Amino acid sequence: MNIAFYAPMKSPNHPVPSGDRLMGRLLFAVLREIVGEANVSLASEFRSYSSQPDNMKLKENRSEAHEVADATFARWQQ
């Protein structure tokens, strides 16, 4: 079984400490422990979180998310 891990709020690799980053790191570590290190990968560093409601930012995020998803699926199909 292969697992692609994605944390939309903040990547486990993000440089700024936070509860979101810590939770991502812990979940990622547990999955690697259970499934095996070679079978768990970080799907993307893309951060879809927006601190304020903003329609323009939402549209930008949606567009970027589609690009990231397309690139990720293409990479997995290889």
N, C-alpha and C. Protein backbone atom coordinates (compact mmCIF):
# COMPACT_ATOMS: atom_id res chain seq x y z
N MET A 1 0.85 -1.18 0.00
CA MET A 1 0.00 0.00 0.00
C MET A 1 0.89 1.24 0.00
N ASN A 2 0.56 2.19 -0.87
CA ASN A 2 1.25 3.48 -0.92
C ASN A 2 0.30 4.57 -0.45
N ILE A 3 0.82 5.48 0.34
CA ILE A 3 0.01 6.56 0.88
C ILE A 3 0.65 7.90 0.54
N ALA A 4 -0.16 8.80 0.01
CA ALA A 4 0.27 10.18 -0.25
C ALA A 4 -0.36 11.04 0.84
N PHE A 5 0.46 11.68 1.64
CA PHE A 5 -0.01 12.49 2.75
C PHE A 5 -0.06 13.95 2.33
N TYR A 6 -1.16 14.61 2.68
CA TYR A 6 -1.30 16.04 2.37
C TYR A 6 -1.91 16.76 3.56
N ALA A 7 -1.31 17.87 3.95
CA ALA A 7 -1.81 18.69 5.06
C ALA A 7 -2.15 20.07 4.50
N PRO A 8 -3.43 20.39 4.30
CA PRO A 8 -3.81 21.64 3.64
C PRO A 8 -3.52 22.90 4.45
N MET A 9 -3.48 22.80 5.76
CA MET A 9 -3.25 23.99 6.58
C MET A 9 -1.77 24.39 6.57
N LYS A 10 -0.90 23.41 6.79
CA LYS A 10 0.53 23.69 6.82
C LYS A 10 1.29 22.37 6.67
N SER A 11 2.25 22.37 5.77
CA SER A 11 3.07 21.19 5.53
C SER A 11 3.86 20.81 6.78
N PRO A 12 4.11 19.53 6.97
CA PRO A 12 4.98 19.11 8.07
C PRO A 12 6.39 19.70 7.94
N ASN A 13 6.76 20.14 6.75
CA ASN A 13 8.09 20.71 6.51
C ASN A 13 8.12 22.23 6.64
N HIS A 14 7.01 22.85 6.95
CA HIS A 14 6.95 24.32 7.02
C HIS A 14 7.94 24.83 8.07
N PRO A 15 8.63 25.95 7.78
CA PRO A 15 9.65 26.45 8.71
C PRO A 15 9.12 27.07 10.00
N VAL A 16 7.86 27.50 10.01
CA VAL A 16 7.30 28.17 11.20
C VAL A 16 6.59 27.15 12.08
N PRO A 17 7.03 27.00 13.34
CA PRO A 17 6.39 26.05 14.24
C PRO A 17 4.91 26.39 14.50
N SER A 18 4.10 25.36 14.62
CA SER A 18 2.68 25.55 14.95
C SER A 18 2.08 24.21 15.31
N GLY A 19 0.88 24.24 15.85
CA GLY A 19 0.16 23.01 16.15
C GLY A 19 -0.17 22.23 14.89
N ASP A 20 -0.50 22.94 13.79
CA ASP A 20 -0.80 22.27 12.52
C ASP A 20 0.43 21.51 12.01
N ARG A 21 1.59 22.17 12.08
CA ARG A 21 2.82 21.52 11.62
C ARG A 21 3.13 20.30 12.49
N LEU A 22 2.99 20.45 13.80
CA LEU A 22 3.27 19.34 14.71
C LEU A 22 2.34 18.16 14.43
N MET A 23 1.05 18.44 14.27
CA MET A 23 0.10 17.36 13.97
C MET A 23 0.44 16.67 12.66
N GLY A 24 0.80 17.46 11.65
CA GLY A 24 1.20 16.89 10.37
C GLY A 24 2.42 15.98 10.51
N ARG A 25 3.40 16.45 11.27
CA ARG A 25 4.61 15.65 11.48
C ARG A 25 4.30 14.36 12.22
N LEU A 26 3.46 14.45 13.24
CA LEU A 26 3.12 13.25 14.01
C LEU A 26 2.32 12.25 13.17
N LEU A 27 1.34 12.73 12.42
CA LEU A 27 0.55 11.83 11.57
C LEU A 27 1.42 11.18 10.50
N PHE A 28 2.30 11.99 9.90
CA PHE A 28 3.20 11.48 8.87
C PHE A 28 4.11 10.39 9.46
N ALA A 29 4.65 10.65 10.65
CA ALA A 29 5.54 9.68 11.31
C ALA A 29 4.81 8.38 11.65
N VAL A 30 3.58 8.49 12.14
CA VAL A 30 2.80 7.30 12.48
C VAL A 30 2.52 6.48 11.22
N LEU A 31 2.13 7.14 10.15
CA LEU A 31 1.88 6.41 8.90
C LEU A 31 3.14 5.69 8.42
N ARG A 32 4.28 6.37 8.49
CA ARG A 32 5.53 5.74 8.06
C ARG A 32 5.88 4.55 8.96
N GLU A 33 5.57 4.66 10.23
CA GLU A 33 5.83 3.56 11.18
C GLU A 33 4.96 2.35 10.85
N ILE A 34 3.69 2.61 10.55
CA ILE A 34 2.73 1.52 10.30
C ILE A 34 2.91 0.91 8.91
N VAL A 35 3.00 1.77 7.90
CA VAL A 35 2.99 1.31 6.51
C VAL A 35 4.40 1.03 5.98
N GLY A 36 5.35 1.76 6.47
CA GLY A 36 6.72 1.63 5.98
C GLY A 36 7.16 2.93 5.34
N GLU A 37 8.39 3.31 5.65
CA GLU A 37 8.90 4.61 5.21
C GLU A 37 8.85 4.78 3.69
N ALA A 38 9.15 3.71 2.96
CA ALA A 38 9.19 3.81 1.50
C ALA A 38 7.81 3.95 0.88
N ASN A 39 6.76 3.69 1.64
CA ASN A 39 5.41 3.70 1.08
C ASN A 39 4.57 4.91 1.47
N VAL A 40 5.17 5.87 2.17
CA VAL A 40 4.44 7.08 2.56
C VAL A 40 5.23 8.28 2.05
N SER A 41 4.56 9.14 1.31
CA SER A 41 5.24 10.31 0.78
C SER A 41 4.37 11.55 0.95
N LEU A 42 5.01 12.68 0.99
CA LEU A 42 4.30 13.94 1.08
C LEU A 42 3.81 14.29 -0.32
N ALA A 43 2.50 14.41 -0.47
CA ALA A 43 1.92 14.65 -1.79
C ALA A 43 2.25 16.04 -2.32
N SER A 44 2.26 17.03 -1.44
CA SER A 44 2.47 18.40 -1.90
C SER A 44 2.77 19.32 -0.72
N GLU A 45 3.50 20.38 -1.00
CA GLU A 45 3.76 21.43 -0.01
C GLU A 45 2.71 22.54 -0.12
N PHE A 46 1.80 22.44 -1.08
CA PHE A 46 0.80 23.47 -1.32
C PHE A 46 -0.02 23.75 -0.07
N ARG A 47 -0.16 25.02 0.26
CA ARG A 47 -0.92 25.43 1.44
C ARG A 47 -2.17 26.17 0.98
N SER A 48 -3.32 25.59 1.22
CA SER A 48 -4.57 26.20 0.75
C SER A 48 -5.20 27.11 1.80
N TYR A 49 -4.63 27.17 2.98
CA TYR A 49 -5.18 27.98 4.07
C TYR A 49 -5.13 29.46 3.76
N SER A 50 -6.20 30.16 4.11
CA SER A 50 -6.25 31.62 4.01
C SER A 50 -6.80 32.14 5.33
N SER A 51 -6.09 33.07 5.95
CA SER A 51 -6.48 33.54 7.27
C SER A 51 -7.71 34.44 7.24
N GLN A 52 -8.00 35.05 6.11
CA GLN A 52 -9.14 35.95 5.98
C GLN A 52 -9.99 35.54 4.77
N PRO A 53 -11.31 35.67 4.87
CA PRO A 53 -12.15 35.40 3.70
C PRO A 53 -11.83 36.40 2.59
N ASP A 54 -11.50 35.88 1.43
CA ASP A 54 -11.10 36.74 0.32
C ASP A 54 -11.40 36.00 -0.98
N ASN A 55 -12.38 36.49 -1.73
CA ASN A 55 -12.78 35.80 -2.96
C ASN A 55 -11.65 35.69 -3.97
N MET A 56 -10.83 36.73 -4.08
CA MET A 56 -9.72 36.69 -5.04
C MET A 56 -8.69 35.63 -4.61
N LYS A 57 -8.39 35.58 -3.32
CA LYS A 57 -7.45 34.58 -2.81
C LYS A 57 -8.02 33.18 -3.00
N LEU A 58 -9.32 33.02 -2.80
CA LEU A 58 -9.97 31.73 -3.01
C LEU A 58 -9.83 31.28 -4.46
N LYS A 59 -10.04 32.19 -5.40
CA LYS A 59 -9.90 31.85 -6.82
C LYS A 59 -8.45 31.48 -7.15
N GLU A 60 -7.50 32.23 -6.59
CA GLU A 60 -6.08 31.91 -6.81
C GLU A 60 -5.74 30.54 -6.24
N ASN A 61 -6.21 30.28 -5.01
CA ASN A 61 -5.96 28.98 -4.38
C ASN A 61 -6.56 27.85 -5.20
N ARG A 62 -7.78 28.05 -5.68
CA ARG A 62 -8.45 27.01 -6.47
C ARG A 62 -7.66 26.72 -7.75
N SER A 63 -7.22 27.76 -8.41
CA SER A 63 -6.44 27.59 -9.63
C SER A 63 -5.12 26.87 -9.35
N GLU A 64 -4.42 27.31 -8.32
CA GLU A 64 -3.15 26.67 -7.97
C GLU A 64 -3.37 25.22 -7.53
N ALA A 65 -4.44 24.96 -6.80
CA ALA A 65 -4.74 23.60 -6.35
C ALA A 65 -4.96 22.67 -7.54
N HIS A 66 -5.65 23.14 -8.56
CA HIS A 66 -5.85 22.32 -9.76
C HIS A 66 -4.52 22.02 -10.45
N GLU A 67 -3.64 23.01 -10.52
CA GLU A 67 -2.32 22.79 -11.13
C GLU A 67 -1.51 21.78 -10.33
N VAL A 68 -1.53 21.92 -9.02
CA VAL A 68 -0.78 21.00 -8.15
C VAL A 68 -1.36 19.59 -8.27
N ALA A 69 -2.67 19.47 -8.26
CA ALA A 69 -3.30 18.15 -8.38
C ALA A 69 -2.96 17.50 -9.71
N ASP A 70 -3.04 18.26 -10.80
CA ASP A 70 -2.72 17.71 -12.12
C ASP A 70 -1.27 17.23 -12.17
N ALA A 71 -0.35 18.04 -11.63
CA ALA A 71 1.07 17.65 -11.63
C ALA A 71 1.31 16.42 -10.76
N THR A 72 0.61 16.36 -9.63
CA THR A 72 0.77 15.21 -8.73
C THR A 72 0.24 13.94 -9.38
N PHE A 73 -0.93 13.99 -9.99
CA PHE A 73 -1.49 12.82 -10.66
C PHE A 73 -0.59 12.37 -11.81
N ALA A 74 -0.06 13.31 -12.56
CA ALA A 74 0.83 12.96 -13.67
C ALA A 74 2.09 12.26 -13.14
N ARG A 75 2.62 12.75 -12.02
CA ARG A 75 3.81 12.14 -11.43
C ARG A 75 3.49 10.72 -10.94
N TRP A 76 2.31 10.51 -10.37
CA TRP A 76 1.95 9.17 -9.87
C TRP A 76 1.73 8.18 -11.00
N GLN A 77 1.28 8.67 -12.15
CA GLN A 77 1.01 7.76 -13.27
C GLN A 77 2.27 7.24 -13.94
N GLN A 78 3.38 7.89 -13.69
CA GLN A 78 4.65 7.44 -14.31
C GLN A 78 5.18 6.18 -13.69
